[in-house]
Amino acid sequence: MAKPNIIKGGENFIEGIIFASRWLQMPVYLGLIFGTGLYVYKFFEELVHLFNEIGHFNDVDVMLSILGLIDISMVMNLLIIVIIGGYSIFTSRIDFTEHEDRPHWLDHMDAGILKIKLATSLASISGVHLLRTFIDIHREIGIEAKDAAMQSLAFNGVIIEIVIHLVFIISALMLAWVERILHESHFAAHRLEKEKHNEHVGIGGIPHSEITH
C-alpha cells in the first residue's frame, strides 16, 4: 500500500507546482501596470502639446489631437480590462466584492466575456485610428497631389485599415455568437439536470416512487 501512497503524493506535488505556475503571470500584470503609467505620461505630453499649439492649430489639427487623446484613453481601458480581468480569472480572485468602487463589468466576468471585451476594445481602437486616417489623409499625403503613385499609396493604406477594422468587428461578433451558444448550452444542461432531480424528489423531499406507492 506504500507504493500507491508515494505515487499519489508525487502526483499531488506535481499538480501543486502546475497550479502555482499561474503566479508566473504576476510580473506580466505588473509590467502592464507600468505600461499604463507610461501611457498616462504620454497622455499629458500630448495634452500639453495641444495647449501650447492651440493658437496655431486649425480645426483639423485640434480634432486630430483630441482623437489622439481618445486613442490613448481607449488603450488604457484595454490595459485595465486585461490587468484586472485577467488577474482575477487566471491568477487569483481579487477580494473587493464589497468595495463601493468595484467595476460593474467584473460581476459576470469569465474567460469568454474577457475575450469579447478585448475584441470589442480592439475594434473601437481600430475605429479611432481609421477616423484619424480619413481626417489626416488630406494633410499628410495630399489628396490634391499630382503624383498618382502617392494618391494610390494613400488609398491603399486606407483600404488596408478598413479591412483590419472589419476583421476586428467580425471577430468580436463571432466571439459573442460562440459565447452565447456556449452559455445557452450550459443553461439548458443545468435546467435538464434540475428537472431530472425534481422528478426523483417529491413533496417534502420524498421520492415520487414512494409517494405513488
N, C-alpha and C. Protein backbone atom coordinates (compact mmCIF):
# COMPACT_ATOMS: atom_id res chain seq x y z
N MET A 1 0.82 -1.22 0.00
CA MET A 1 0.00 0.00 0.00
C MET A 1 0.85 1.26 0.00
N ALA A 2 2.16 1.09 0.30
CA ALA A 2 3.01 2.28 0.38
C ALA A 2 3.26 2.86 -1.00
N LYS A 3 3.34 1.96 -2.01
CA LYS A 3 3.64 2.44 -3.35
C LYS A 3 2.55 3.35 -3.91
N PRO A 4 1.26 2.98 -3.81
CA PRO A 4 0.22 3.91 -4.28
C PRO A 4 0.24 5.25 -3.55
N ASN A 5 0.56 5.23 -2.23
CA ASN A 5 0.63 6.48 -1.48
C ASN A 5 1.75 7.37 -1.98
N ILE A 6 2.89 6.74 -2.34
CA ILE A 6 4.02 7.52 -2.87
C ILE A 6 3.65 8.13 -4.23
N ILE A 7 2.98 7.34 -5.06
CA ILE A 7 2.55 7.84 -6.38
C ILE A 7 1.55 8.98 -6.22
N LYS A 8 0.62 8.80 -5.29
CA LYS A 8 -0.37 9.85 -5.05
C LYS A 8 0.28 11.12 -4.52
N GLY A 9 1.26 10.96 -3.62
CA GLY A 9 1.96 12.13 -3.10
C GLY A 9 2.72 12.87 -4.18
N GLY A 10 3.40 12.09 -5.06
CA GLY A 10 4.11 12.72 -6.17
C GLY A 10 3.17 13.42 -7.12
N GLU A 11 2.01 12.81 -7.35
CA GLU A 11 1.01 13.43 -8.22
C GLU A 11 0.50 14.74 -7.63
N ASN A 12 0.23 14.74 -6.33
CA ASN A 12 -0.22 15.97 -5.67
C ASN A 12 0.85 17.05 -5.72
N PHE A 13 2.12 16.65 -5.57
CA PHE A 13 3.22 17.62 -5.62
C PHE A 13 3.31 18.26 -7.00
N ILE A 14 3.24 17.43 -8.05
CA ILE A 14 3.32 17.96 -9.41
C ILE A 14 2.12 18.86 -9.71
N GLU A 15 0.94 18.43 -9.28
CA GLU A 15 -0.25 19.24 -9.52
C GLU A 15 -0.18 20.56 -8.76
N GLY A 16 0.42 20.52 -7.58
CA GLY A 16 0.61 21.78 -6.83
C GLY A 16 1.52 22.74 -7.56
N ILE A 17 2.60 22.21 -8.16
CA ILE A 17 3.51 23.07 -8.93
C ILE A 17 2.79 23.65 -10.14
N ILE A 18 2.03 22.81 -10.84
CA ILE A 18 1.29 23.28 -12.02
C ILE A 18 0.30 24.37 -11.63
N PHE A 19 -0.42 24.16 -10.52
CA PHE A 19 -1.40 25.15 -10.09
C PHE A 19 -0.73 26.45 -9.65
N ALA A 20 0.43 26.32 -9.00
CA ALA A 20 1.14 27.52 -8.55
C ALA A 20 1.79 28.28 -9.70
N SER A 21 1.92 27.63 -10.87
CA SER A 21 2.55 28.29 -12.01
C SER A 21 1.76 29.49 -12.50
N ARG A 22 0.51 29.60 -12.08
CA ARG A 22 -0.30 30.75 -12.50
C ARG A 22 0.30 32.05 -11.98
N TRP A 23 1.09 31.97 -10.89
CA TRP A 23 1.69 33.19 -10.33
C TRP A 23 2.83 33.72 -11.20
N LEU A 24 3.25 32.94 -12.19
CA LEU A 24 4.25 33.45 -13.14
C LEU A 24 3.69 34.60 -13.97
N GLN A 25 2.35 34.73 -13.99
CA GLN A 25 1.73 35.85 -14.71
C GLN A 25 1.84 37.16 -13.95
N MET A 26 2.15 37.08 -12.67
CA MET A 26 2.19 38.30 -11.85
C MET A 26 3.13 39.36 -12.42
N PRO A 27 4.41 39.01 -12.80
CA PRO A 27 5.28 40.06 -13.36
C PRO A 27 4.72 40.67 -14.64
N VAL A 28 3.97 39.87 -15.41
CA VAL A 28 3.38 40.38 -16.65
C VAL A 28 2.36 41.48 -16.34
N TYR A 29 1.48 41.21 -15.36
CA TYR A 29 0.47 42.21 -14.99
C TYR A 29 1.11 43.44 -14.36
N LEU A 30 2.17 43.25 -13.57
CA LEU A 30 2.88 44.41 -13.01
C LEU A 30 3.53 45.23 -14.12
N GLY A 31 4.05 44.55 -15.15
CA GLY A 31 4.62 45.27 -16.28
C GLY A 31 3.57 46.05 -17.05
N LEU A 32 2.36 45.48 -17.17
CA LEU A 32 1.27 46.20 -17.83
C LEU A 32 0.85 47.42 -17.02
N ILE A 33 0.90 47.31 -15.69
CA ILE A 33 0.60 48.48 -14.85
C ILE A 33 1.63 49.58 -15.10
N PHE A 34 2.90 49.18 -15.21
CA PHE A 34 3.95 50.16 -15.52
C PHE A 34 3.71 50.78 -16.90
N GLY A 35 3.28 49.94 -17.87
CA GLY A 35 2.96 50.47 -19.20
C GLY A 35 1.80 51.44 -19.16
N THR A 36 0.84 51.19 -18.28
CA THR A 36 -0.29 52.13 -18.12
C THR A 36 0.21 53.48 -17.62
N GLY A 37 1.17 53.44 -16.68
CA GLY A 37 1.76 54.69 -16.20
C GLY A 37 2.47 55.45 -17.30
N LEU A 38 3.15 54.74 -18.20
CA LEU A 38 3.80 55.39 -19.33
C LEU A 38 2.78 56.03 -20.27
N TYR A 39 1.63 55.39 -20.42
CA TYR A 39 0.57 55.96 -21.25
C TYR A 39 -0.01 57.22 -20.60
N VAL A 40 -0.07 57.25 -19.28
CA VAL A 40 -0.52 58.46 -18.59
C VAL A 40 0.44 59.62 -18.90
N TYR A 41 1.76 59.30 -18.85
CA TYR A 41 2.75 60.32 -19.20
C TYR A 41 2.58 60.80 -20.63
N LYS A 42 2.34 59.85 -21.56
CA LYS A 42 2.16 60.21 -22.96
C LYS A 42 0.90 61.04 -23.15
N PHE A 43 -0.16 60.73 -22.39
CA PHE A 43 -1.40 61.49 -22.49
C PHE A 43 -1.17 62.96 -22.13
N PHE A 44 -0.50 63.20 -21.00
CA PHE A 44 -0.27 64.58 -20.58
C PHE A 44 0.73 65.28 -21.49
N GLU A 45 1.66 64.53 -22.08
CA GLU A 45 2.57 65.12 -23.04
C GLU A 45 1.81 65.64 -24.26
N GLU A 46 0.87 64.82 -24.76
CA GLU A 46 0.05 65.25 -25.89
C GLU A 46 -0.87 66.41 -25.50
N LEU A 47 -1.39 66.38 -24.27
CA LEU A 47 -2.27 67.45 -23.82
C LEU A 47 -1.54 68.77 -23.70
N VAL A 48 -0.32 68.74 -23.18
CA VAL A 48 0.49 69.96 -23.07
C VAL A 48 0.84 70.49 -24.46
N HIS A 49 1.16 69.57 -25.38
CA HIS A 49 1.47 70.00 -26.76
C HIS A 49 0.26 70.67 -27.40
N LEU A 50 -0.94 70.10 -27.17
CA LEU A 50 -2.16 70.72 -27.71
C LEU A 50 -2.38 72.10 -27.10
N PHE A 51 -2.14 72.24 -25.80
CA PHE A 51 -2.34 73.52 -25.13
C PHE A 51 -1.37 74.58 -25.66
N ASN A 52 -0.11 74.17 -25.88
CA ASN A 52 0.90 75.13 -26.34
C ASN A 52 0.68 75.55 -27.79
N GLU A 53 0.12 74.66 -28.61
CA GLU A 53 -0.03 74.95 -30.03
C GLU A 53 -1.46 75.29 -30.42
N ILE A 54 -2.35 75.46 -29.45
CA ILE A 54 -3.76 75.68 -29.77
C ILE A 54 -3.96 76.94 -30.61
N GLY A 55 -3.10 77.93 -30.42
CA GLY A 55 -3.24 79.18 -31.18
C GLY A 55 -2.85 79.02 -32.64
N HIS A 56 -2.04 78.00 -32.95
CA HIS A 56 -1.58 77.80 -34.31
C HIS A 56 -2.32 76.66 -35.02
N PHE A 57 -3.14 75.93 -34.28
CA PHE A 57 -3.85 74.79 -34.85
C PHE A 57 -5.15 75.24 -35.50
N ASN A 58 -5.51 74.59 -36.60
CA ASN A 58 -6.84 74.79 -37.18
C ASN A 58 -7.78 73.71 -36.63
N ASP A 59 -8.99 73.68 -37.15
CA ASP A 59 -9.98 72.72 -36.64
C ASP A 59 -9.54 71.27 -36.83
N VAL A 60 -8.93 70.99 -37.98
CA VAL A 60 -8.49 69.62 -38.26
C VAL A 60 -7.37 69.21 -37.30
N ASP A 61 -6.43 70.11 -37.04
CA ASP A 61 -5.33 69.79 -36.12
C ASP A 61 -5.85 69.51 -34.71
N VAL A 62 -6.80 70.33 -34.27
CA VAL A 62 -7.37 70.12 -32.93
C VAL A 62 -8.11 68.79 -32.87
N MET A 63 -8.87 68.48 -33.92
CA MET A 63 -9.62 67.22 -33.95
C MET A 63 -8.67 66.03 -33.92
N LEU A 64 -7.57 66.10 -34.67
CA LEU A 64 -6.61 65.01 -34.67
C LEU A 64 -5.95 64.84 -33.31
N SER A 65 -5.65 65.96 -32.65
CA SER A 65 -5.06 65.88 -31.32
C SER A 65 -6.02 65.27 -30.31
N ILE A 66 -7.28 65.67 -30.39
CA ILE A 66 -8.29 65.11 -29.48
C ILE A 66 -8.47 63.61 -29.74
N LEU A 67 -8.48 63.22 -31.01
CA LEU A 67 -8.59 61.80 -31.33
C LEU A 67 -7.39 61.02 -30.80
N GLY A 68 -6.22 61.67 -30.82
CA GLY A 68 -5.05 61.02 -30.23
C GLY A 68 -5.21 60.79 -28.74
N LEU A 69 -5.79 61.77 -28.04
CA LEU A 69 -6.05 61.61 -26.60
C LEU A 69 -7.08 60.51 -26.35
N ILE A 70 -8.12 60.47 -27.20
CA ILE A 70 -9.13 59.42 -27.07
C ILE A 70 -8.50 58.05 -27.31
N ASP A 71 -7.62 57.99 -28.29
CA ASP A 71 -6.94 56.73 -28.59
C ASP A 71 -6.15 56.24 -27.38
N ILE A 72 -5.43 57.13 -26.72
CA ILE A 72 -4.66 56.76 -25.53
C ILE A 72 -5.58 56.27 -24.42
N SER A 73 -6.70 56.97 -24.21
CA SER A 73 -7.63 56.56 -23.15
C SER A 73 -8.24 55.19 -23.42
N MET A 74 -8.52 54.89 -24.69
CA MET A 74 -9.10 53.60 -25.02
C MET A 74 -8.09 52.48 -24.85
N VAL A 75 -6.82 52.74 -25.17
CA VAL A 75 -5.78 51.75 -24.93
C VAL A 75 -5.62 51.50 -23.43
N MET A 76 -5.73 52.55 -22.64
CA MET A 76 -5.63 52.40 -21.19
C MET A 76 -6.82 51.58 -20.66
N ASN A 77 -8.02 51.79 -21.21
CA ASN A 77 -9.15 50.96 -20.82
C ASN A 77 -8.90 49.49 -21.15
N LEU A 78 -8.31 49.25 -22.31
CA LEU A 78 -7.96 47.88 -22.70
C LEU A 78 -6.97 47.28 -21.71
N LEU A 79 -5.98 48.06 -21.31
CA LEU A 79 -5.00 47.58 -20.33
C LEU A 79 -5.65 47.24 -19.00
N ILE A 80 -6.59 48.07 -18.55
CA ILE A 80 -7.27 47.81 -17.27
C ILE A 80 -8.09 46.53 -17.35
N ILE A 81 -8.76 46.32 -18.49
CA ILE A 81 -9.53 45.09 -18.66
C ILE A 81 -8.62 43.87 -18.58
N VAL A 82 -7.46 43.94 -19.25
CA VAL A 82 -6.53 42.82 -19.25
C VAL A 82 -5.94 42.61 -17.86
N ILE A 83 -5.55 43.69 -17.19
CA ILE A 83 -4.89 43.56 -15.89
C ILE A 83 -5.85 43.02 -14.84
N ILE A 84 -6.97 43.71 -14.63
CA ILE A 84 -7.90 43.30 -13.56
C ILE A 84 -8.64 42.02 -13.95
N GLY A 85 -9.19 41.99 -15.17
CA GLY A 85 -9.94 40.82 -15.59
C GLY A 85 -9.06 39.58 -15.70
N GLY A 86 -7.90 39.72 -16.34
CA GLY A 86 -7.01 38.58 -16.50
C GLY A 86 -6.49 38.07 -15.17
N TYR A 87 -6.11 38.98 -14.27
CA TYR A 87 -5.60 38.55 -12.97
C TYR A 87 -6.66 37.83 -12.16
N SER A 88 -7.89 38.39 -12.13
CA SER A 88 -8.95 37.79 -11.32
C SER A 88 -9.45 36.47 -11.89
N ILE A 89 -9.28 36.24 -13.20
CA ILE A 89 -9.75 34.99 -13.81
C ILE A 89 -8.67 33.92 -13.80
N PHE A 90 -7.44 34.29 -14.18
CA PHE A 90 -6.41 33.29 -14.39
C PHE A 90 -5.40 33.17 -13.25
N THR A 91 -5.30 34.16 -12.39
CA THR A 91 -4.28 34.11 -11.34
C THR A 91 -4.89 33.93 -9.96
N SER A 92 -5.62 34.92 -9.49
CA SER A 92 -6.20 34.84 -8.15
C SER A 92 -7.39 35.77 -8.05
N ARG A 93 -8.38 35.35 -7.32
CA ARG A 93 -9.57 36.18 -7.14
C ARG A 93 -9.23 37.43 -6.33
N ILE A 94 -9.69 38.58 -6.81
CA ILE A 94 -9.48 39.84 -6.10
C ILE A 94 -10.63 40.04 -5.12
N ASP A 95 -10.31 40.11 -3.85
CA ASP A 95 -11.34 40.16 -2.82
C ASP A 95 -11.73 41.61 -2.52
N PHE A 96 -12.56 42.17 -3.39
CA PHE A 96 -13.08 43.51 -3.14
C PHE A 96 -14.56 43.56 -3.55
N THR A 97 -15.28 42.48 -3.18
CA THR A 97 -16.69 42.37 -3.54
C THR A 97 -17.51 43.50 -2.95
N GLU A 98 -17.20 43.88 -1.72
CA GLU A 98 -17.97 44.91 -1.03
C GLU A 98 -17.46 46.31 -1.28
N HIS A 99 -16.44 46.45 -2.11
CA HIS A 99 -15.87 47.78 -2.36
C HIS A 99 -16.85 48.61 -3.17
N GLU A 100 -17.03 49.86 -2.76
CA GLU A 100 -18.02 50.72 -3.42
C GLU A 100 -17.61 51.10 -4.83
N ASP A 101 -16.33 51.04 -5.15
CA ASP A 101 -15.84 51.39 -6.48
C ASP A 101 -15.62 50.17 -7.37
N ARG A 102 -16.15 49.02 -6.98
CA ARG A 102 -15.97 47.80 -7.79
C ARG A 102 -16.59 48.00 -9.17
N PRO A 103 -15.83 47.75 -10.26
CA PRO A 103 -16.38 47.91 -11.61
C PRO A 103 -17.52 46.94 -11.86
N HIS A 104 -18.58 47.43 -12.52
CA HIS A 104 -19.74 46.58 -12.78
C HIS A 104 -19.42 45.45 -13.76
N TRP A 105 -18.46 45.68 -14.67
CA TRP A 105 -18.18 44.67 -15.68
C TRP A 105 -17.48 43.45 -15.10
N LEU A 106 -17.07 43.50 -13.83
CA LEU A 106 -16.44 42.34 -13.21
C LEU A 106 -17.44 41.36 -12.62
N ASP A 107 -18.72 41.77 -12.54
CA ASP A 107 -19.71 40.94 -11.85
C ASP A 107 -19.88 39.57 -12.51
N HIS A 108 -19.91 39.53 -13.84
CA HIS A 108 -20.12 38.27 -14.54
C HIS A 108 -18.97 37.99 -15.51
N MET A 109 -17.78 38.35 -15.09
CA MET A 109 -16.62 38.20 -15.96
C MET A 109 -16.10 36.76 -15.92
N ASP A 110 -15.89 36.20 -17.11
CA ASP A 110 -15.21 34.92 -17.24
C ASP A 110 -14.29 35.00 -18.45
N ALA A 111 -13.64 33.89 -18.79
CA ALA A 111 -12.67 33.92 -19.88
C ALA A 111 -13.33 34.30 -21.20
N GLY A 112 -14.55 33.79 -21.45
CA GLY A 112 -15.25 34.11 -22.69
C GLY A 112 -15.62 35.57 -22.79
N ILE A 113 -16.18 36.12 -21.70
CA ILE A 113 -16.55 37.54 -21.69
C ILE A 113 -15.32 38.42 -21.83
N LEU A 114 -14.21 37.99 -21.21
CA LEU A 114 -12.97 38.76 -21.31
C LEU A 114 -12.50 38.85 -22.76
N LYS A 115 -12.58 37.73 -23.49
CA LYS A 115 -12.17 37.75 -24.90
C LYS A 115 -13.07 38.65 -25.73
N ILE A 116 -14.36 38.66 -25.43
CA ILE A 116 -15.28 39.53 -26.16
C ILE A 116 -14.97 41.00 -25.89
N LYS A 117 -14.71 41.34 -24.64
CA LYS A 117 -14.39 42.73 -24.29
C LYS A 117 -13.08 43.16 -24.94
N LEU A 118 -12.10 42.26 -25.01
CA LEU A 118 -10.85 42.59 -25.67
C LEU A 118 -11.07 42.82 -27.16
N ALA A 119 -11.87 41.96 -27.78
CA ALA A 119 -12.13 42.11 -29.22
C ALA A 119 -12.87 43.40 -29.52
N THR A 120 -13.88 43.73 -28.72
CA THR A 120 -14.62 44.97 -28.95
C THR A 120 -13.75 46.19 -28.69
N SER A 121 -12.87 46.10 -27.70
CA SER A 121 -11.95 47.22 -27.43
C SER A 121 -10.99 47.43 -28.60
N LEU A 122 -10.47 46.34 -29.14
CA LEU A 122 -9.58 46.45 -30.30
C LEU A 122 -10.31 47.02 -31.51
N ALA A 123 -11.57 46.63 -31.69
CA ALA A 123 -12.36 47.19 -32.79
C ALA A 123 -12.59 48.68 -32.60
N SER A 124 -12.83 49.11 -31.36
CA SER A 124 -13.04 50.53 -31.08
C SER A 124 -11.76 51.33 -31.34
N ILE A 125 -10.62 50.79 -30.88
CA ILE A 125 -9.34 51.47 -31.12
C ILE A 125 -9.04 51.55 -32.61
N SER A 126 -9.32 50.46 -33.32
CA SER A 126 -9.11 50.46 -34.77
C SER A 126 -10.00 51.49 -35.45
N GLY A 127 -11.24 51.65 -34.94
CA GLY A 127 -12.14 52.65 -35.50
C GLY A 127 -11.62 54.07 -35.33
N VAL A 128 -11.02 54.35 -34.16
CA VAL A 128 -10.45 55.67 -33.93
C VAL A 128 -9.28 55.92 -34.87
N HIS A 129 -8.42 54.90 -35.04
CA HIS A 129 -7.29 55.04 -35.97
C HIS A 129 -7.78 55.28 -37.40
N LEU A 130 -8.83 54.57 -37.78
CA LEU A 130 -9.38 54.75 -39.12
C LEU A 130 -9.93 56.15 -39.32
N LEU A 131 -10.61 56.67 -38.31
CA LEU A 131 -11.14 58.03 -38.40
C LEU A 131 -10.01 59.05 -38.51
N ARG A 132 -8.95 58.84 -37.74
CA ARG A 132 -7.80 59.75 -37.83
C ARG A 132 -7.18 59.71 -39.23
N THR A 133 -7.14 58.52 -39.82
CA THR A 133 -6.57 58.39 -41.16
C THR A 133 -7.41 59.15 -42.18
N PHE A 134 -8.73 59.02 -42.09
CA PHE A 134 -9.61 59.73 -43.02
C PHE A 134 -9.44 61.24 -42.89
N ILE A 135 -9.32 61.71 -41.65
CA ILE A 135 -9.20 63.16 -41.45
C ILE A 135 -7.83 63.66 -41.87
N ASP A 136 -6.80 62.86 -41.62
CA ASP A 136 -5.43 63.31 -41.82
C ASP A 136 -4.90 63.06 -43.22
N ILE A 137 -5.67 62.35 -44.05
CA ILE A 137 -5.15 61.95 -45.35
C ILE A 137 -4.90 63.15 -46.26
N HIS A 138 -5.72 64.16 -46.11
CA HIS A 138 -5.54 65.37 -46.95
C HIS A 138 -4.24 66.10 -46.60
N ARG A 139 -3.85 66.06 -45.32
CA ARG A 139 -2.69 66.83 -44.90
C ARG A 139 -1.39 66.06 -45.07
N GLU A 140 -1.39 64.77 -44.72
CA GLU A 140 -0.15 64.02 -44.74
C GLU A 140 0.29 63.67 -46.16
N ILE A 141 -0.63 63.15 -46.95
CA ILE A 141 -0.27 62.74 -48.31
C ILE A 141 -0.64 63.82 -49.31
N GLY A 142 -1.80 64.43 -49.09
CA GLY A 142 -2.28 65.45 -50.01
C GLY A 142 -3.12 64.83 -51.10
N ILE A 143 -4.44 64.85 -50.89
CA ILE A 143 -5.33 64.23 -51.86
C ILE A 143 -5.32 64.98 -53.18
N GLU A 144 -4.89 66.26 -53.12
CA GLU A 144 -4.82 67.04 -54.35
C GLU A 144 -3.46 66.90 -55.04
N ALA A 145 -2.61 66.05 -54.48
CA ALA A 145 -1.26 65.91 -55.05
C ALA A 145 -1.33 65.40 -56.48
N LYS A 146 -0.40 65.86 -57.30
CA LYS A 146 -0.39 65.48 -58.70
C LYS A 146 0.24 64.11 -58.91
N ASP A 147 0.97 63.65 -57.92
CA ASP A 147 1.62 62.35 -58.04
C ASP A 147 0.59 61.24 -57.87
N ALA A 148 0.29 60.53 -58.95
CA ALA A 148 -0.72 59.48 -58.90
C ALA A 148 -0.28 58.33 -58.01
N ALA A 149 1.03 58.07 -57.94
CA ALA A 149 1.54 56.99 -57.10
C ALA A 149 1.28 57.27 -55.62
N MET A 150 1.44 58.52 -55.23
CA MET A 150 1.20 58.89 -53.83
C MET A 150 -0.28 58.76 -53.50
N GLN A 151 -1.16 59.15 -54.41
CA GLN A 151 -2.59 59.01 -54.20
C GLN A 151 -2.98 57.53 -54.06
N SER A 152 -2.41 56.70 -54.94
CA SER A 152 -2.70 55.27 -54.88
C SER A 152 -2.21 54.67 -53.57
N LEU A 153 -1.03 55.10 -53.13
CA LEU A 153 -0.48 54.61 -51.87
C LEU A 153 -1.37 55.01 -50.70
N ALA A 154 -1.88 56.24 -50.73
CA ALA A 154 -2.74 56.73 -49.64
C ALA A 154 -4.03 55.93 -49.57
N PHE A 155 -4.66 55.72 -50.72
CA PHE A 155 -5.92 54.99 -50.74
C PHE A 155 -5.74 53.52 -50.38
N ASN A 156 -4.61 52.94 -50.80
CA ASN A 156 -4.33 51.55 -50.43
C ASN A 156 -4.16 51.41 -48.92
N GLY A 157 -3.52 52.41 -48.30
CA GLY A 157 -3.37 52.38 -46.85
C GLY A 157 -4.71 52.46 -46.14
N VAL A 158 -5.60 53.31 -46.68
CA VAL A 158 -6.94 53.41 -46.08
C VAL A 158 -7.71 52.11 -46.23
N ILE A 159 -7.61 51.48 -47.40
CA ILE A 159 -8.32 50.21 -47.64
C ILE A 159 -7.82 49.14 -46.68
N ILE A 160 -6.51 49.10 -46.47
CA ILE A 160 -5.95 48.11 -45.55
C ILE A 160 -6.48 48.34 -44.13
N GLU A 161 -6.55 49.59 -43.70
CA GLU A 161 -7.07 49.89 -42.36
C GLU A 161 -8.55 49.52 -42.25
N ILE A 162 -9.31 49.74 -43.33
CA ILE A 162 -10.73 49.36 -43.32
C ILE A 162 -10.87 47.84 -43.18
N VAL A 163 -10.05 47.10 -43.92
CA VAL A 163 -10.11 45.64 -43.84
C VAL A 163 -9.76 45.16 -42.43
N ILE A 164 -8.72 45.72 -41.84
CA ILE A 164 -8.33 45.34 -40.48
C ILE A 164 -9.45 45.65 -39.50
N HIS A 165 -10.08 46.83 -39.66
CA HIS A 165 -11.18 47.20 -38.78
C HIS A 165 -12.35 46.23 -38.91
N LEU A 166 -12.67 45.85 -40.14
CA LEU A 166 -13.76 44.90 -40.35
C LEU A 166 -13.43 43.53 -39.76
N VAL A 167 -12.16 43.13 -39.83
CA VAL A 167 -11.74 41.86 -39.24
C VAL A 167 -11.95 41.89 -37.73
N PHE A 168 -11.60 43.01 -37.08
CA PHE A 168 -11.82 43.13 -35.64
C PHE A 168 -13.32 43.06 -35.31
N ILE A 169 -14.14 43.73 -36.10
CA ILE A 169 -15.59 43.72 -35.84
C ILE A 169 -16.17 42.32 -36.01
N ILE A 170 -15.80 41.65 -37.11
CA ILE A 170 -16.30 40.30 -37.36
C ILE A 170 -15.83 39.34 -36.27
N SER A 171 -14.59 39.49 -35.84
CA SER A 171 -14.06 38.63 -34.78
C SER A 171 -14.84 38.82 -33.49
N ALA A 172 -15.14 40.08 -33.14
CA ALA A 172 -15.91 40.35 -31.92
C ALA A 172 -17.31 39.74 -32.02
N LEU A 173 -17.95 39.89 -33.20
CA LEU A 173 -19.29 39.32 -33.38
C LEU A 173 -19.28 37.81 -33.30
N MET A 174 -18.28 37.17 -33.88
CA MET A 174 -18.19 35.71 -33.84
C MET A 174 -17.92 35.22 -32.42
N LEU A 175 -17.06 35.91 -31.69
CA LEU A 175 -16.81 35.52 -30.30
C LEU A 175 -18.07 35.64 -29.46
N ALA A 176 -18.82 36.75 -29.67
CA ALA A 176 -20.07 36.93 -28.93
C ALA A 176 -21.08 35.84 -29.29
N TRP A 177 -21.15 35.47 -30.57
CA TRP A 177 -22.07 34.43 -31.00
C TRP A 177 -21.72 33.07 -30.40
N VAL A 178 -20.43 32.72 -30.43
CA VAL A 178 -19.98 31.45 -29.85
C VAL A 178 -20.23 31.43 -28.35
N GLU A 179 -19.93 32.54 -27.69
CA GLU A 179 -20.15 32.60 -26.24
C GLU A 179 -21.62 32.45 -25.90
N ARG A 180 -22.49 33.03 -26.72
CA ARG A 180 -23.93 32.90 -26.47
C ARG A 180 -24.38 31.45 -26.62
N ILE A 181 -23.86 30.77 -27.64
CA ILE A 181 -24.21 29.36 -27.83
C ILE A 181 -23.74 28.53 -26.64
N LEU A 182 -22.52 28.78 -26.18
CA LEU A 182 -22.00 28.02 -25.04
C LEU A 182 -22.81 28.27 -23.78
N HIS A 183 -23.19 29.52 -23.55
CA HIS A 183 -23.98 29.84 -22.37
C HIS A 183 -25.37 29.22 -22.46
N GLU A 184 -25.97 29.24 -23.64
CA GLU A 184 -27.28 28.62 -23.80
C GLU A 184 -27.21 27.11 -23.59
N SER A 185 -26.15 26.47 -24.08
CA SER A 185 -25.99 25.03 -23.89
C SER A 185 -25.79 24.70 -22.42
N HIS A 186 -24.98 25.52 -21.75
CA HIS A 186 -24.76 25.30 -20.32
C HIS A 186 -26.04 25.49 -19.53
N PHE A 187 -26.82 26.51 -19.88
CA PHE A 187 -28.08 26.76 -19.19
C PHE A 187 -29.08 25.64 -19.43
N ALA A 188 -29.13 25.15 -20.68
CA ALA A 188 -30.06 24.06 -20.99
C ALA A 188 -29.67 22.79 -20.25
N ALA A 189 -28.37 22.49 -20.17
CA ALA A 189 -27.92 21.30 -19.44
C ALA A 189 -28.23 21.42 -17.96
N HIS A 190 -28.04 22.61 -17.40
CA HIS A 190 -28.34 22.84 -15.99
C HIS A 190 -29.83 22.69 -15.72
N ARG A 191 -30.67 23.20 -16.63
CA ARG A 191 -32.11 23.10 -16.45
C ARG A 191 -32.57 21.65 -16.56
N LEU A 192 -31.98 20.87 -17.50
CA LEU A 192 -32.34 19.47 -17.64
C LEU A 192 -31.95 18.67 -16.41
N GLU A 193 -30.77 18.99 -15.86
CA GLU A 193 -30.34 18.32 -14.64
C GLU A 193 -31.26 18.63 -13.47
N LYS A 194 -31.71 19.87 -13.39
CA LYS A 194 -32.62 20.27 -12.33
C LYS A 194 -33.97 19.58 -12.48
N GLU A 195 -34.46 19.44 -13.73
CA GLU A 195 -35.74 18.76 -13.96
C GLU A 195 -35.65 17.28 -13.59
N LYS A 196 -34.51 16.66 -13.92
CA LYS A 196 -34.32 15.26 -13.55
C LYS A 196 -34.30 15.10 -12.03
N HIS A 197 -33.66 16.06 -11.36
CA HIS A 197 -33.61 16.00 -9.90
C HIS A 197 -35.01 16.15 -9.31
N ASN A 198 -35.80 17.05 -9.89
CA ASN A 198 -37.17 17.25 -9.38
C ASN A 198 -38.06 16.03 -9.63
N GLU A 199 -37.74 15.27 -10.68
CA GLU A 199 -38.53 14.07 -10.94
C GLU A 199 -38.34 13.00 -9.87
N HIS A 200 -37.13 12.97 -9.31
CA HIS A 200 -36.82 11.96 -8.29
C HIS A 200 -37.21 12.41 -6.89
N VAL A 201 -37.44 13.70 -6.71
CA VAL A 201 -37.76 14.23 -5.39
C VAL A 201 -39.19 14.76 -5.42
N GLY A 202 -40.01 14.27 -4.52
CA GLY A 202 -41.40 14.71 -4.48
C GLY A 202 -41.63 15.75 -3.41
N ILE A 203 -42.78 15.77 -2.85
CA ILE A 203 -43.15 16.74 -1.83
C ILE A 203 -42.39 16.44 -0.55
N GLY A 204 -41.82 17.46 0.03
CA GLY A 204 -41.08 17.30 1.29
C GLY A 204 -39.83 16.47 1.14
N GLY A 205 -39.30 16.34 -0.09
CA GLY A 205 -38.10 15.58 -0.31
C GLY A 205 -38.32 14.09 -0.43
N ILE A 206 -39.58 13.64 -0.45
CA ILE A 206 -39.89 12.20 -0.58
C ILE A 206 -39.92 11.85 -2.06
N PRO A 207 -39.22 10.79 -2.45
CA PRO A 207 -39.20 10.42 -3.86
C PRO A 207 -40.59 10.11 -4.38
N HIS A 208 -40.81 10.38 -5.69
CA HIS A 208 -42.11 10.14 -6.29
C HIS A 208 -42.49 8.67 -6.24
N SER A 209 -41.49 7.79 -6.34
CA SER A 209 -41.80 6.35 -6.31
C SER A 209 -42.44 5.94 -5.00
N GLU A 210 -41.99 6.56 -3.87
CA GLU A 210 -42.59 6.24 -2.58
C GLU A 210 -43.94 6.88 -2.41
N ILE A 211 -44.13 8.06 -3.02
CA ILE A 211 -45.42 8.74 -2.92
C ILE A 211 -46.49 7.94 -3.66
N THR A 212 -46.12 7.44 -4.86
CA THR A 212 -47.11 6.69 -5.65
C THR A 212 -47.49 5.38 -4.99
N HIS A 213 -46.54 4.78 -4.23
CA HIS A 213 -46.85 3.55 -3.53
C HIS A 213 -47.53 3.82 -2.18
